[in-house]
Amino acid sequence: MKLKLQLLEAQLETQIARALLYAGALGKWMLTSVIVGVLCGLLGTAFHLGVDYVTALRMQYRWLLYCLPLAGLGIVGLYHMFRVDGQSTNSIIREVQTGNGLKIALIPAIFFSTLLTHLCGGSSGREGAALQMGGTIGFEIGKLLHLDDRDRRTATMTGMAAFFSALFGTPMAATVFAMAVISVGLLYHVALIPCLVASLTAYAISLVAGVTPTRFAVTAPALEFVMLLKVSALAALSAWVSSLFCEVLHRTEHGMQKLLPKEWARILAGAALLIGLSALFPSGDYNGAGGEVIRRAVEDGSAVPTAFLLKILFTCITLAAGFKGGEVVPSFFIGATFGCAVGPLLGIPAGFAASVGLIAVFCGAVNCPLASTFLAVELFGADGLLYYALACALSYVLSGYDGLYSSQRILYDKLKAQYIDVHTNAHHEGQHTPMEEKYR
């Protein structure tokens, strides 16, 4: 009898210890996530409003385009002043992978540099800045709360998700994207609760502050076999477009760095090229993020057939030269205008084709099919869920091993259940996956 009581006491102690362990972990992440979510929500809202404001100024005062060289020199100066030269979204990804650490000075540097880029007509998005600021906030809060190295990496992902959510109003996509973008083939499930809580917190703050979530009115066709085939064809073509975008972007970066080693020379050359291109195409559609062009393509089914190629050109010059912002919104533009132009040739309604192209090009560029599917539902609604899921799956596989972020690791081959652990764009360094070597 005494032995039984001792066993029961031991079991009870074990259960209590386990309950305390889970309660402590949950409390730690709830506290961290709410703090990160509040900070990212506030700063993300300010950043969103700031980008909207400078974009409106640029549209009103077209002469600001000619200030692009001065803006470029200002950006180089800011990064030197804050001593964050070379820091980018790749730095945030590497922090999660290796725990290298981040500099808090990256926040003001990328914040004001992105505003300068948009003010003077550079072609970039804003999510790159969002991931960098959000990741840095998460990392710093992790340090402040004395989290260990592994937990600081999770906190970094938490900030990435929160800032993304505040900007786009897509908390579920932001959560899964932050968990999936680090390593292709692996979801960091430990970050699910922190990322989701932080995303919802930041999203709520942005709504209270009056930020309108990014949404598009799209009518999806009824589910039928023939339309599934047509969407598959568009997804395959969109995968090629995403690979083209990534390839041109990285080759332009490498080419400009080799030709013009000095940062100030690259950014001045890039500014001159952008001013010249803007004179050739004076509509202004290819400067800035191009949100209105995306909306016209998706909701009105209207796009210039060559718009996706011109956006690739403008964006690659902008980012390769050293201007700041991000690549995701330009990928939205490229995908939406490509889908809008090509979809009707395949028998797909132009507006719906634009939405499929947008999500498929994004998926191919970031290698995140689940996050892309969630993003499609939050942007366009659930009516076309199966079409969007099919497009994301095909684009993910057919886009190959390119990507926007060179520090992203592809842990499992896309063609075979095989562990490979190579970096995205590794072929630029002469490296190939086992499946690629097989067919060379």
Protein backbone atom coordinates (compact mmCIF):
# COMPACT_ATOMS: atom_id res chain seq x y z
CA MET A 1 0.00 0.00 0.00
CA LYS A 2 2.80 2.35 0.92
CA LEU A 3 4.56 1.55 -2.37
CA LYS A 4 1.40 2.38 -4.33
CA LEU A 5 1.09 5.71 -2.55
CA GLN A 6 4.71 6.52 -3.36
CA LEU A 7 4.09 5.66 -7.02
CA LEU A 8 0.98 7.84 -7.10
CA GLU A 9 2.90 10.71 -5.49
CA ALA A 10 5.70 10.33 -8.04
CA GLN A 11 3.20 10.31 -10.93
CA LEU A 12 1.46 13.35 -9.51
CA GLU A 13 4.75 15.21 -9.16
CA THR A 14 5.60 14.31 -12.76
CA GLN A 15 2.23 15.57 -14.00
CA ILE A 16 2.59 18.80 -12.01
CA ALA A 17 6.11 19.33 -13.30
CA ARG A 18 4.92 18.72 -16.87
CA ALA A 19 2.00 21.12 -16.43
CA LEU A 20 4.32 23.79 -15.05
CA LEU A 21 6.73 23.24 -17.93
CA TYR A 22 3.99 23.74 -20.54
CA ALA A 23 2.45 26.64 -18.64
CA GLY A 24 5.83 28.33 -18.37
CA ALA A 25 6.57 27.89 -22.06
CA LEU A 26 3.12 29.13 -23.06
CA GLY A 27 3.38 32.12 -20.73
CA LYS A 28 6.84 32.97 -22.06
CA TRP A 29 5.67 32.95 -25.66
CA MET A 30 2.40 34.74 -24.99
CA LEU A 31 4.33 37.57 -23.30
CA THR A 32 6.98 37.69 -26.04
CA SER A 33 4.43 37.49 -28.85
CA VAL A 34 2.18 40.22 -27.51
CA ILE A 35 5.13 42.59 -26.96
CA VAL A 36 6.51 41.87 -30.42
CA GLY A 37 3.04 42.11 -31.97
CA VAL A 38 2.34 45.48 -30.37
CA LEU A 39 5.68 46.95 -31.42
CA CYS A 40 5.46 45.56 -34.95
CA GLY A 41 1.84 46.65 -35.22
CA LEU A 42 2.67 50.22 -34.25
CA LEU A 43 5.81 50.51 -36.37
CA GLY A 44 4.22 48.57 -39.24
CA THR A 45 1.25 50.94 -39.26
CA ALA A 46 3.57 53.96 -39.28
CA PHE A 47 5.58 52.39 -42.09
CA HIS A 48 2.44 51.60 -44.13
CA LEU A 49 1.15 55.14 -43.76
CA GLY A 50 4.60 56.53 -44.53
CA VAL A 51 4.89 54.57 -47.79
CA ASP A 52 1.37 55.64 -48.80
CA TYR A 53 2.21 59.27 -48.05
CA VAL A 54 5.46 59.41 -50.01
CA THR A 55 3.82 57.54 -52.89
CA ALA A 56 1.08 60.17 -53.04
CA LEU A 57 3.75 62.90 -53.01
CA ARG A 58 5.58 61.25 -55.89
CA MET A 59 2.38 60.99 -57.93
CA GLN A 60 1.63 64.66 -57.27
CA TYR A 61 5.14 65.97 -57.88
CA ARG A 62 6.60 64.00 -60.77
CA TRP A 63 9.84 65.98 -60.61
CA LEU A 64 10.78 63.97 -57.50
CA LEU A 65 11.97 61.26 -59.89
CA TYR A 66 14.96 63.44 -60.74
CA CYS A 67 15.94 63.44 -57.06
CA LEU A 68 16.57 59.68 -57.25
CA PRO A 69 20.40 60.08 -57.39
CA LEU A 70 20.31 62.22 -54.22
CA ALA A 71 18.01 59.68 -52.56
CA GLY A 72 20.47 56.94 -53.51
CA LEU A 73 23.40 58.76 -51.98
CA GLY A 74 21.27 59.38 -48.90
CA ILE A 75 20.59 55.64 -48.60
CA VAL A 76 24.29 54.79 -48.89
CA GLY A 77 25.01 57.43 -46.25
CA LEU A 78 22.34 56.09 -43.89
CA TYR A 79 23.69 52.54 -44.05
CA HIS A 80 27.23 53.78 -43.43
CA MET A 81 26.10 56.00 -40.57
CA PHE A 82 24.23 53.15 -38.85
CA ARG A 83 26.99 50.65 -39.74
CA VAL A 84 24.63 48.12 -41.29
CA ASP A 85 26.20 47.90 -44.76
CA GLY A 86 25.30 44.64 -46.47
CA GLN A 87 22.40 43.87 -44.11
CA SER A 88 19.30 42.58 -45.90
CA THR A 89 16.48 40.06 -45.67
CA ASN A 90 19.11 37.37 -46.13
CA SER A 91 20.62 38.53 -42.81
CA ILE A 92 17.30 37.90 -41.04
CA ILE A 93 17.05 34.41 -42.53
CA ARG A 94 20.64 33.63 -41.51
CA GLU A 95 19.88 34.75 -37.94
CA VAL A 96 17.17 32.10 -37.68
CA GLN A 97 19.43 29.48 -39.27
CA THR A 98 22.63 30.18 -37.35
CA GLY A 99 21.96 32.70 -34.57
CA ASN A 100 24.44 35.23 -35.97
CA GLY A 101 22.65 38.15 -34.33
CA LEU A 102 21.21 41.39 -35.71
CA LYS A 103 21.89 45.10 -35.26
CA ILE A 104 19.00 47.21 -33.99
CA ALA A 105 20.29 50.10 -36.14
CA LEU A 106 18.94 48.18 -39.15
CA ILE A 107 15.42 49.36 -38.22
CA PRO A 108 15.85 53.11 -38.83
CA ALA A 109 18.18 52.45 -41.78
CA ILE A 110 15.72 50.29 -43.73
CA PHE A 111 12.69 52.36 -42.63
CA PHE A 112 13.95 55.67 -44.03
CA SER A 113 15.78 54.12 -46.98
CA THR A 114 12.59 52.46 -48.19
CA LEU A 115 10.66 55.72 -47.85
CA LEU A 116 13.35 57.48 -49.91
CA THR A 117 13.18 54.77 -52.57
CA HIS A 118 9.39 55.08 -52.91
CA LEU A 119 9.44 58.87 -52.70
CA CYS A 120 11.73 59.21 -55.71
CA GLY A 121 10.36 56.45 -57.91
CA GLY A 122 12.44 53.35 -57.28
CA SER A 123 10.64 50.13 -58.18
CA SER A 124 10.41 48.09 -55.00
CA GLY A 125 7.97 46.73 -52.47
CA ARG A 126 7.86 47.02 -48.72
CA GLU A 127 7.87 43.47 -47.36
CA GLY A 128 11.67 43.22 -47.46
CA ALA A 129 11.77 46.15 -45.07
CA ALA A 130 8.96 44.54 -43.07
CA LEU A 131 10.83 41.26 -42.63
CA GLN A 132 14.02 43.08 -41.67
CA MET A 133 12.38 45.43 -39.16
CA GLY A 134 10.09 42.75 -37.75
CA GLY A 135 12.87 40.18 -37.44
CA THR A 136 15.13 42.70 -35.72
CA ILE A 137 12.39 43.71 -33.27
CA GLY A 138 11.75 40.05 -32.43
CA PHE A 139 15.45 39.40 -31.93
CA GLU A 140 15.90 42.45 -29.68
CA ILE A 141 12.86 41.58 -27.56
CA GLY A 142 14.27 38.07 -27.21
CA LYS A 143 17.52 39.56 -25.90
CA LEU A 144 15.65 41.91 -23.57
CA LEU A 145 13.70 38.99 -22.07
CA HIS A 146 16.93 36.97 -21.72
CA LEU A 147 15.79 34.20 -24.05
CA ASP A 148 18.45 31.69 -25.07
CA ASP A 149 19.85 31.42 -28.58
CA ARG A 150 17.23 29.02 -29.92
CA ASP A 151 14.35 31.02 -28.49
CA ARG A 152 15.78 34.25 -29.92
CA ARG A 153 15.64 32.63 -33.35
CA THR A 154 11.98 31.82 -32.79
CA ALA A 155 11.40 35.38 -31.59
CA THR A 156 12.98 36.60 -34.84
CA MET A 157 10.42 34.60 -36.84
CA THR A 158 7.70 36.00 -34.59
CA GLY A 159 8.66 39.55 -35.54
CA MET A 160 8.80 38.67 -39.23
CA ALA A 161 5.26 37.32 -39.09
CA ALA A 162 3.90 40.25 -37.07
CA PHE A 163 5.26 42.98 -39.34
CA PHE A 164 4.13 41.15 -42.49
CA SER A 165 0.66 40.83 -40.98
CA ALA A 166 0.50 44.51 -40.07
CA LEU A 167 1.39 45.57 -43.61
CA PHE A 168 -0.82 43.24 -45.63
CA GLY A 169 -3.56 42.31 -43.19
CA THR A 170 -2.95 38.58 -43.75
CA PRO A 171 -2.18 37.05 -40.33
CA MET A 172 -2.47 33.39 -41.36
CA ALA A 173 -0.27 33.75 -44.43
CA ALA A 174 2.22 35.81 -42.41
CA THR A 175 2.40 33.08 -39.76
CA VAL A 176 3.03 30.24 -42.19
CA PHE A 177 5.38 32.33 -44.35
CA ALA A 178 7.65 33.13 -41.39
CA MET A 179 7.72 29.45 -40.43
CA ALA A 180 8.39 28.20 -43.97
CA VAL A 181 10.64 30.74 -45.71
CA ILE A 182 13.76 29.91 -43.69
CA SER A 183 14.26 26.34 -44.91
CA VAL A 184 12.34 24.85 -47.84
CA GLY A 185 10.91 21.47 -46.86
CA LEU A 186 10.74 22.26 -43.15
CA LEU A 187 8.10 24.05 -41.08
CA TYR A 188 9.27 25.40 -37.73
CA HIS A 189 6.21 24.20 -35.83
CA VAL A 190 7.62 25.46 -32.53
CA ALA A 191 6.99 28.97 -33.85
CA LEU A 192 3.29 28.40 -34.63
CA ILE A 193 1.80 29.85 -31.44
CA PRO A 194 4.29 32.76 -31.14
CA CYS A 195 3.93 33.74 -34.80
CA LEU A 196 0.15 33.44 -34.83
CA VAL A 197 -0.36 35.42 -31.61
CA ALA A 198 2.04 38.15 -32.75
CA SER A 199 0.43 38.28 -36.22
CA LEU A 200 -3.07 38.62 -34.78
CA THR A 201 -1.89 41.29 -32.32
CA ALA A 202 -0.18 43.34 -35.03
CA TYR A 203 -3.15 42.90 -37.37
CA ALA A 204 -5.56 44.14 -34.70
CA ILE A 205 -3.43 47.23 -34.06
CA SER A 206 -3.24 48.04 -37.78
CA LEU A 207 -7.04 47.78 -38.06
CA VAL A 208 -7.55 50.09 -35.09
CA ALA A 209 -5.12 52.56 -36.67
CA GLY A 210 -7.19 52.61 -39.85
CA VAL A 211 -4.97 50.53 -42.15
CA THR A 212 -7.13 48.79 -44.73
CA PRO A 213 -6.15 45.12 -45.26
CA THR A 214 -5.08 44.19 -48.78
CA ARG A 215 -8.09 42.55 -50.41
CA PHE A 216 -9.22 42.03 -54.01
CA ALA A 217 -12.68 41.39 -55.42
CA VAL A 218 -12.28 38.27 -57.59
CA THR A 219 -14.89 35.94 -59.03
CA ALA A 220 -13.58 32.40 -59.31
CA PRO A 221 -15.10 30.13 -61.99
CA ALA A 222 -16.94 26.98 -60.99
CA LEU A 223 -14.71 23.99 -60.29
CA GLU A 224 -14.40 21.89 -63.45
CA PHE A 225 -11.80 19.65 -65.02
CA VAL A 226 -11.15 21.76 -68.11
CA MET A 227 -10.57 24.89 -66.03
CA LEU A 228 -8.19 22.93 -63.78
CA LEU A 229 -6.15 22.09 -66.87
CA LYS A 230 -6.14 25.73 -67.99
CA VAL A 231 -5.05 26.92 -64.54
CA SER A 232 -2.32 24.26 -64.57
CA ALA A 233 -0.99 25.64 -67.85
CA LEU A 234 -1.00 29.19 -66.46
CA ALA A 235 0.74 28.02 -63.28
CA ALA A 236 3.47 26.33 -65.32
CA LEU A 237 4.05 29.52 -67.30
CA SER A 238 4.01 31.57 -64.09
CA ALA A 239 6.68 29.29 -62.63
CA TRP A 240 8.88 30.16 -65.58
CA VAL A 241 8.19 33.88 -65.03
CA SER A 242 9.16 33.60 -61.35
CA SER A 243 12.41 31.88 -62.32
CA LEU A 244 13.05 34.58 -64.90
CA PHE A 245 12.52 37.30 -62.30
CA CYS A 246 14.86 35.66 -59.77
CA GLU A 247 17.50 34.90 -62.41
CA VAL A 248 17.53 38.43 -63.83
CA LEU A 249 17.57 39.93 -60.33
CA HIS A 250 20.58 37.95 -59.14
CA ARG A 251 22.51 38.28 -62.39
CA THR A 252 21.91 42.04 -62.35
CA GLU A 253 23.14 42.23 -58.75
CA HIS A 254 26.27 40.23 -59.51
CA GLY A 255 26.92 42.16 -62.72
CA MET A 256 26.60 45.58 -61.10
CA GLN A 257 28.77 44.60 -58.14
CA LYS A 258 31.48 43.34 -60.47
CA LEU A 259 31.28 46.31 -62.84
CA LEU A 260 30.90 48.98 -60.12
CA PRO A 261 32.43 47.83 -56.81
CA LYS A 262 31.70 51.13 -55.05
CA GLU A 263 28.20 51.39 -53.53
CA TRP A 264 27.80 55.04 -54.43
CA ALA A 265 28.73 54.35 -58.06
CA ARG A 266 26.21 51.50 -58.32
CA ILE A 267 23.37 53.52 -56.88
CA LEU A 268 24.08 56.55 -59.08
CA ALA A 269 24.26 54.35 -62.18
CA GLY A 270 21.02 52.66 -61.19
CA ALA A 271 19.31 56.01 -60.62
CA ALA A 272 20.40 57.23 -64.05
CA LEU A 273 19.05 54.09 -65.71
CA LEU A 274 15.73 54.36 -63.88
CA ILE A 275 15.32 58.01 -64.84
CA GLY A 276 16.03 57.13 -68.49
CA LEU A 277 13.58 54.21 -68.45
CA SER A 278 10.93 56.36 -66.77
CA ALA A 279 11.29 58.90 -69.58
CA LEU A 280 10.67 56.10 -72.11
CA PHE A 281 7.67 54.80 -70.14
CA PRO A 282 6.23 57.93 -68.50
CA SER A 283 3.00 56.43 -67.15
CA GLY A 284 4.59 55.95 -63.73
CA ASP A 285 3.16 52.42 -63.53
CA TYR A 286 6.60 50.88 -63.09
CA ASN A 287 7.83 53.22 -60.38
CA GLY A 288 7.09 52.44 -56.75
CA ALA A 289 5.23 49.29 -55.75
CA GLY A 290 2.55 49.48 -58.43
CA GLY A 291 -0.41 48.64 -56.22
CA GLU A 292 -2.91 50.36 -58.50
CA VAL A 293 -1.69 48.36 -61.51
CA ILE A 294 -2.15 45.14 -59.52
CA ARG A 295 -5.69 46.16 -58.60
CA ARG A 296 -6.57 47.00 -62.22
CA ALA A 297 -5.27 43.64 -63.40
CA VAL A 298 -7.14 41.60 -60.77
CA GLU A 299 -10.39 43.53 -60.45
CA ASP A 300 -10.76 45.06 -63.93
CA GLY A 301 -8.92 42.45 -65.97
CA SER A 302 -6.80 45.14 -67.58
CA ALA A 303 -3.01 45.09 -68.09
CA VAL A 304 -0.44 46.04 -70.71
CA PRO A 305 0.91 42.77 -72.22
CA THR A 306 4.55 43.78 -71.68
CA ALA A 307 4.00 45.17 -68.18
CA PHE A 308 5.45 42.13 -66.41
CA LEU A 309 8.71 42.37 -68.39
CA LEU A 310 9.06 46.08 -67.74
CA LYS A 311 8.43 45.60 -64.02
CA ILE A 312 11.13 42.94 -63.91
CA LEU A 313 13.54 45.38 -65.58
CA PHE A 314 12.69 48.33 -63.32
CA THR A 315 12.76 46.24 -60.12
CA CYS A 316 16.01 44.42 -60.88
CA ILE A 317 17.82 47.69 -61.60
CA THR A 318 16.37 49.30 -58.46
CA LEU A 319 17.35 46.54 -56.05
CA ALA A 320 20.65 45.62 -57.71
CA ALA A 321 21.74 49.25 -57.55
CA GLY A 322 21.20 49.34 -53.77
CA PHE A 323 17.80 50.98 -53.32
CA LYS A 324 15.68 49.45 -50.59
CA GLY A 325 12.21 47.98 -50.17
CA GLY A 326 11.46 44.44 -51.18
CA GLU A 327 10.77 41.99 -53.95
CA VAL A 328 7.40 40.51 -52.97
CA VAL A 329 5.04 43.31 -54.08
CA PRO A 330 6.90 43.56 -57.41
CA SER A 331 6.37 39.80 -57.76
CA PHE A 332 2.64 40.45 -57.19
CA PHE A 333 2.74 43.04 -59.98
CA ILE A 334 4.66 40.73 -62.33
CA GLY A 335 2.38 37.77 -61.69
CA ALA A 336 -0.88 39.72 -61.88
CA THR A 337 -0.05 41.50 -65.14
CA PHE A 338 1.36 38.32 -66.70
CA GLY A 339 -1.72 36.30 -65.73
CA CYS A 340 -4.04 39.04 -66.93
CA ALA A 341 -2.35 39.13 -70.34
CA VAL A 342 -1.88 35.38 -70.88
CA GLY A 343 -4.92 33.97 -69.08
CA PRO A 344 -7.51 34.96 -71.73
CA LEU A 345 -5.35 33.22 -74.39
CA LEU A 346 -5.84 30.03 -72.38
CA GLY A 347 -9.56 30.64 -71.94
CA ILE A 348 -9.36 31.92 -68.35
CA PRO A 349 -11.21 35.12 -67.34
CA ALA A 350 -8.63 37.93 -67.20
CA GLY A 351 -9.25 39.02 -63.61
CA PHE A 352 -9.18 35.51 -62.21
CA ALA A 353 -6.11 34.70 -64.31
CA ALA A 354 -4.41 37.75 -62.79
CA SER A 355 -5.06 36.41 -59.28
CA VAL A 356 -3.69 32.97 -60.24
CA GLY A 357 -0.63 34.54 -61.85
CA LEU A 358 -0.01 36.73 -58.80
CA ILE A 359 -0.06 33.87 -56.34
CA ALA A 360 1.85 31.45 -58.60
CA VAL A 361 4.71 33.86 -59.33
CA PHE A 362 4.93 34.75 -55.63
CA CYS A 363 5.03 31.06 -54.70
CA GLY A 364 7.74 30.27 -57.23
CA ALA A 365 9.83 33.20 -56.05
CA VAL A 366 9.69 32.42 -52.31
CA ASN A 367 9.33 28.60 -52.45
CA CYS A 368 6.49 28.58 -49.91
CA PRO A 369 3.43 26.74 -51.35
CA LEU A 370 1.43 26.49 -48.11
CA ALA A 371 1.96 30.13 -47.18
CA SER A 372 1.07 31.12 -50.75
CA THR A 373 -2.18 29.16 -50.60
CA PHE A 374 -3.15 30.84 -47.34
CA LEU A 375 -2.23 34.19 -48.86
CA ALA A 376 -4.51 33.52 -51.84
CA VAL A 377 -7.45 32.82 -49.56
CA GLU A 378 -6.84 35.97 -47.50
CA LEU A 379 -6.36 38.18 -50.56
CA PHE A 380 -8.99 36.75 -52.91
CA GLY A 381 -11.40 34.67 -50.81
CA ALA A 382 -11.88 30.92 -50.51
CA ASP A 383 -14.06 30.37 -53.60
CA GLY A 384 -11.07 29.56 -55.79
CA LEU A 385 -9.14 27.66 -53.11
CA LEU A 386 -8.56 24.48 -55.12
CA TYR A 387 -7.43 26.43 -58.17
CA TYR A 388 -5.00 28.47 -56.09
CA ALA A 389 -3.68 25.40 -54.27
CA LEU A 390 -3.06 23.64 -57.59
CA ALA A 391 -1.32 26.71 -59.02
CA CYS A 392 0.92 27.02 -55.95
CA ALA A 393 1.83 23.32 -55.98
CA LEU A 394 2.78 23.36 -59.66
CA SER A 395 4.66 26.66 -59.46
CA TYR A 396 6.62 25.45 -56.44
CA VAL A 397 7.85 22.33 -58.24
CA LEU A 398 8.37 23.82 -61.70
CA SER A 399 10.17 26.99 -60.59
CA GLY A 400 13.26 24.94 -59.80
CA TYR A 401 15.80 25.97 -57.20
CA ASP A 402 15.78 29.72 -57.77
CA GLY A 403 14.42 32.13 -55.19
CA LEU A 404 14.43 35.71 -54.04
CA TYR A 405 16.52 34.96 -50.94
CA SER A 406 19.93 33.36 -51.52
CA SER A 407 20.30 32.45 -47.83
CA GLN A 408 17.16 30.31 -48.00
CA ARG A 409 18.04 26.62 -47.67
CA ILE A 410 16.33 23.90 -49.69
CA LEU A 411 16.48 20.92 -47.35
CA TYR A 412 14.54 18.44 -49.50
CA ASP A 413 14.67 18.03 -53.25
CA LYS A 414 11.59 19.18 -55.15
CA LEU A 415 11.61 16.12 -57.43
CA LYS A 416 12.40 13.33 -54.98
CA ALA A 417 11.98 12.69 -51.25
CA GLN A 418 15.69 13.22 -50.70
CA TYR A 419 17.60 15.39 -48.22
CA ILE A 420 19.91 17.77 -50.12
CA ASP A 421 20.44 20.92 -47.97
CA VAL A 422 21.55 23.41 -50.62
CA HIS A 423 21.05 27.14 -50.74
CA THR A 424 18.62 28.74 -53.15
CA ASN A 425 20.39 29.99 -56.29
CA ALA A 426 23.37 27.74 -55.52
CA HIS A 427 23.69 27.01 -59.24
CA HIS A 428 25.14 30.53 -59.62
CA GLU A 429 28.16 29.19 -57.74
CA GLY A 430 28.34 26.06 -59.91
CA GLN A 431 26.53 23.84 -57.38
CA HIS A 432 23.73 21.48 -58.41
CA THR A 433 21.29 19.23 -56.58
CA PRO A 434 21.62 15.44 -57.02
CA MET A 435 18.55 15.37 -59.29
CA GLU A 436 19.94 18.21 -61.40
CA GLU A 437 23.29 16.42 -61.70
CA LYS A 438 21.47 13.32 -62.90
CA TYR A 439 20.01 15.13 -65.91
CA ARG A 440 22.93 17.41 -66.78
